[in-house]
Amino acid sequence: MDSYNRKTDEELLRRMHNGDKKVIDYLMVKYKNLVRKKAKALFLIGADNDDLIQEGMIGLFKAIRDYQEEKDSSFYHFAEICISRQMYTAMEASQRKKHAPLNSYVSLDEEPDNDGQIPLTEVLQSLTNGNPEDMVIDQENVEAFQKKIEKCLSKMEKEVLALTLQGLDYHQVAQIMDKSPKSIDNALQRIKGKLR
């Protein structure tokens, strides 16, 4: 393993492609702290931090397996993206299983316009009342809102919205998605405009 310490990640990955399978174990250990750091910044509904770390390790393994040196990106940067995406996908899947992708807050609760739309916060708050008729109507409203999200938002905007609904600010979202804070802020403004 000492010989691995003196080599760049890219050199190690070339050795792996030439048959040195011990490189995989070395890189998995080397980047585990990066996975833990990213897991601390996220919250997975219905699971603990270990589940999120496990998802991150899967992302890291995929990065090791799929890295292509000729793409002009360092392995570190590629691994960071793969880890974040795997964790984000796990969070998104967790939300779908719970049927609650909108159970957190985001500043989409402006007063209704003249078109009679109900603010999102009112729709979500009413889900907690016990009237079965209201609950059915509210479920329909949430489903309609989810369909609107699927129809109106780009993949990036959906990712920004999901991370924002997890309680992350736009700086944290920018770090996870490897974008500038300004581009995340712009995406949030577009989301608000499209969901009005």
Protein backbone atom coordinates (compact mmCIF):
# COMPACT_ATOMS: atom_id res chain seq x y z
CA MET A 1 0.00 0.00 0.00
CA ASP A 2 2.96 2.36 0.50
CA SER A 3 3.61 2.19 -3.23
CA TYR A 4 0.02 3.40 -3.75
CA ASN A 5 0.59 6.49 -1.57
CA ARG A 6 3.23 7.79 -3.98
CA LYS A 7 0.98 7.51 -7.03
CA THR A 8 -1.79 9.79 -8.25
CA ASP A 9 -5.33 8.46 -8.31
CA GLU A 10 -5.23 8.48 -12.09
CA GLU A 11 -2.05 6.35 -12.12
CA LEU A 12 -3.67 3.93 -9.68
CA LEU A 13 -6.75 3.63 -11.85
CA ARG A 14 -4.56 2.79 -14.84
CA ARG A 15 -2.99 0.02 -12.73
CA MET A 16 -6.46 -1.21 -11.80
CA HIS A 17 -7.47 -1.41 -15.47
CA ASN A 18 -4.29 -3.43 -16.05
CA GLY A 19 -5.37 -6.01 -13.48
CA ASP A 20 -4.37 -4.65 -10.02
CA LYS A 21 -7.66 -5.12 -8.15
CA LYS A 22 -6.17 -4.04 -4.79
CA VAL A 23 -6.43 -0.46 -6.06
CA ILE A 24 -10.20 -0.60 -5.55
CA ASP A 25 -9.82 -1.34 -1.82
CA TYR A 26 -7.17 1.36 -1.46
CA LEU A 27 -9.33 4.06 -3.11
CA MET A 28 -12.43 3.01 -1.17
CA VAL A 29 -10.55 3.52 2.10
CA LYS A 30 -8.86 6.71 0.88
CA TYR A 31 -12.14 8.41 -0.05
CA LYS A 32 -14.32 7.15 2.82
CA ASN A 33 -13.80 10.43 4.73
CA LEU A 34 -15.10 12.38 1.72
CA VAL A 35 -18.21 10.18 1.76
CA ARG A 36 -18.69 10.81 5.50
CA LYS A 37 -18.28 14.56 5.03
CA LYS A 38 -20.95 14.64 2.33
CA ALA A 39 -23.28 12.43 4.40
CA LYS A 40 -23.15 14.92 7.27
CA ALA A 41 -24.45 17.66 4.97
CA LEU A 42 -27.51 15.64 3.95
CA PHE A 43 -30.42 14.03 5.71
CA LEU A 44 -32.11 10.87 4.50
CA ILE A 45 -35.72 10.60 5.59
CA GLY A 46 -36.44 7.32 7.34
CA ALA A 47 -32.82 6.25 7.54
CA ASP A 48 -29.74 6.99 9.56
CA ASN A 49 -26.39 8.43 8.63
CA ASP A 50 -24.96 4.94 8.02
CA ASP A 51 -27.48 4.37 5.23
CA LEU A 52 -26.42 7.59 3.56
CA ILE A 53 -22.73 6.66 3.94
CA GLN A 54 -23.49 3.29 2.34
CA GLU A 55 -25.11 5.05 -0.63
CA GLY A 56 -22.08 7.32 -0.88
CA MET A 57 -19.76 4.31 -0.91
CA ILE A 58 -21.81 2.85 -3.77
CA GLY A 59 -21.33 6.16 -5.61
CA LEU A 60 -17.60 5.98 -4.91
CA PHE A 61 -17.41 2.43 -6.26
CA LYS A 62 -19.21 3.55 -9.42
CA ALA A 63 -16.72 6.42 -9.78
CA ILE A 64 -13.78 3.99 -9.52
CA ARG A 65 -15.41 1.66 -12.02
CA ASP A 66 -16.48 4.34 -14.54
CA TYR A 67 -13.73 6.97 -14.40
CA GLN A 68 -12.30 7.89 -17.82
CA GLU A 69 -9.07 9.86 -17.65
CA GLU A 70 -9.48 11.28 -21.13
CA LYS A 71 -12.56 13.29 -20.04
CA ASP A 72 -10.26 16.04 -18.64
CA SER A 73 -11.49 15.78 -15.07
CA SER A 74 -9.56 14.71 -11.99
CA PHE A 75 -10.67 11.52 -10.30
CA TYR A 76 -11.32 13.46 -7.08
CA HIS A 77 -13.78 15.77 -8.84
CA PHE A 78 -15.47 12.86 -10.64
CA ALA A 79 -15.76 10.86 -7.40
CA GLU A 80 -17.25 13.86 -5.60
CA ILE A 81 -19.96 14.16 -8.25
CA CYS A 82 -20.72 10.41 -8.27
CA ILE A 83 -20.97 10.30 -4.47
CA SER A 84 -23.29 13.34 -4.34
CA ARG A 85 -25.51 12.01 -7.11
CA GLN A 86 -25.83 8.58 -5.47
CA MET A 87 -26.81 10.19 -2.16
CA TYR A 88 -29.25 12.53 -3.88
CA THR A 89 -30.85 9.59 -5.73
CA ALA A 90 -31.24 7.74 -2.42
CA MET A 91 -32.88 10.79 -0.84
CA GLU A 92 -35.21 11.15 -3.80
CA ALA A 93 -36.16 7.46 -3.66
CA SER A 94 -36.76 7.72 0.08
CA GLN A 95 -39.13 10.61 -0.47
CA ARG A 96 -41.07 8.73 -3.14
CA LYS A 97 -41.50 5.71 -0.87
CA LYS A 98 -42.89 7.93 1.85
CA HIS A 99 -45.23 9.73 -0.60
CA ALA A 100 -44.00 12.96 0.96
CA PRO A 101 -41.71 14.87 -1.37
CA LEU A 102 -43.34 18.10 -0.26
CA ASN A 103 -43.35 17.56 3.51
CA SER A 104 -40.77 20.21 4.26
CA TYR A 105 -40.62 23.92 3.70
CA VAL A 106 -39.55 26.16 0.89
CA SER A 107 -40.56 29.74 0.23
CA LEU A 108 -43.33 28.91 -2.19
CA ASP A 109 -46.14 30.04 0.11
CA GLU A 110 -46.87 33.43 -1.37
CA GLU A 111 -50.39 34.78 -1.25
CA PRO A 112 -52.72 33.32 -3.88
CA ASP A 113 -53.07 35.29 -7.08
CA ASN A 114 -56.40 36.17 -8.64
CA ASP A 115 -56.49 32.74 -10.24
CA GLY A 116 -57.51 31.20 -6.89
CA GLN A 117 -54.51 28.92 -6.40
CA ILE A 118 -53.98 27.77 -2.82
CA PRO A 119 -50.50 28.37 -1.36
CA LEU A 120 -48.51 25.16 -0.99
CA THR A 121 -48.18 25.57 2.76
CA GLU A 122 -51.95 25.56 3.19
CA VAL A 123 -52.23 22.37 1.15
CA LEU A 124 -49.59 20.66 3.25
CA GLN A 125 -50.90 21.90 6.60
CA SER A 126 -54.38 20.69 5.83
CA LEU A 127 -53.04 17.16 5.35
CA THR A 128 -52.84 16.89 9.13
CA ASN A 129 -56.53 17.52 9.80
CA GLY A 130 -58.69 14.48 10.43
CA ASN A 131 -61.60 15.07 8.06
CA PRO A 132 -61.56 12.19 5.50
CA GLU A 133 -63.20 14.29 2.78
CA ASP A 134 -60.62 17.06 3.20
CA MET A 135 -57.85 14.49 3.26
CA VAL A 136 -58.94 13.06 -0.12
CA ILE A 137 -59.18 16.54 -1.64
CA ASP A 138 -55.80 17.48 -0.16
CA GLN A 139 -54.21 14.30 -1.49
CA GLU A 140 -55.51 15.20 -4.94
CA ASN A 141 -54.01 18.69 -4.56
CA VAL A 142 -50.63 17.24 -3.59
CA GLU A 143 -50.73 14.78 -6.49
CA ALA A 144 -51.62 17.61 -8.89
CA PHE A 145 -48.74 19.65 -7.51
CA GLN A 146 -46.35 16.69 -7.92
CA LYS A 147 -47.48 16.31 -11.54
CA LYS A 148 -46.89 20.01 -12.09
CA ILE A 149 -43.36 19.62 -10.72
CA GLU A 150 -42.68 16.68 -13.05
CA LYS A 151 -44.09 18.51 -16.06
CA CYS A 152 -42.69 22.02 -15.52
CA LEU A 153 -39.27 21.61 -13.96
CA SER A 154 -36.04 20.55 -15.61
CA LYS A 155 -33.96 17.75 -14.10
CA MET A 156 -31.62 20.29 -12.49
CA GLU A 157 -34.54 22.29 -11.07
CA LYS A 158 -36.07 19.12 -9.59
CA GLU A 159 -32.73 18.30 -7.98
CA VAL A 160 -32.43 21.84 -6.57
CA LEU A 161 -36.00 21.68 -5.24
CA ALA A 162 -35.49 18.26 -3.61
CA LEU A 163 -32.32 19.38 -1.86
CA THR A 164 -33.93 22.67 -0.78
CA LEU A 165 -36.89 20.75 0.63
CA GLN A 166 -34.37 18.83 2.73
CA GLY A 167 -33.63 22.13 4.49
CA LEU A 168 -30.35 22.91 2.73
CA ASP A 169 -29.58 26.51 1.84
CA TYR A 170 -28.54 27.45 -1.67
CA HIS A 171 -24.83 27.47 -0.74
CA GLN A 172 -25.04 23.84 0.46
CA VAL A 173 -27.05 22.86 -2.63
CA ALA A 174 -24.43 24.55 -4.83
CA GLN A 175 -21.67 22.55 -3.15
CA ILE A 176 -23.50 19.23 -3.52
CA MET A 177 -24.39 19.86 -7.15
CA ASP A 178 -21.00 21.39 -7.99
CA LYS A 179 -22.63 24.60 -9.27
CA SER A 180 -22.18 28.24 -8.33
CA PRO A 181 -24.46 29.65 -5.61
CA LYS A 182 -25.76 32.17 -8.17
CA SER A 183 -26.89 29.40 -10.55
CA ILE A 184 -28.73 27.69 -7.66
CA ASP A 185 -30.35 30.98 -6.67
CA ASN A 186 -31.41 31.51 -10.30
CA ALA A 187 -32.83 27.96 -10.42
CA LEU A 188 -34.87 28.64 -7.26
CA GLN A 189 -36.28 31.82 -8.83
CA ARG A 190 -37.23 29.86 -11.97
CA ILE A 191 -38.86 27.16 -9.82
CA LYS A 192 -40.95 29.74 -7.97
CA GLY A 193 -42.03 31.30 -11.24
CA LYS A 194 -42.96 27.98 -12.85
CA LEU A 195 -44.87 26.67 -9.81
CA ARG A 196 -46.99 29.79 -9.29
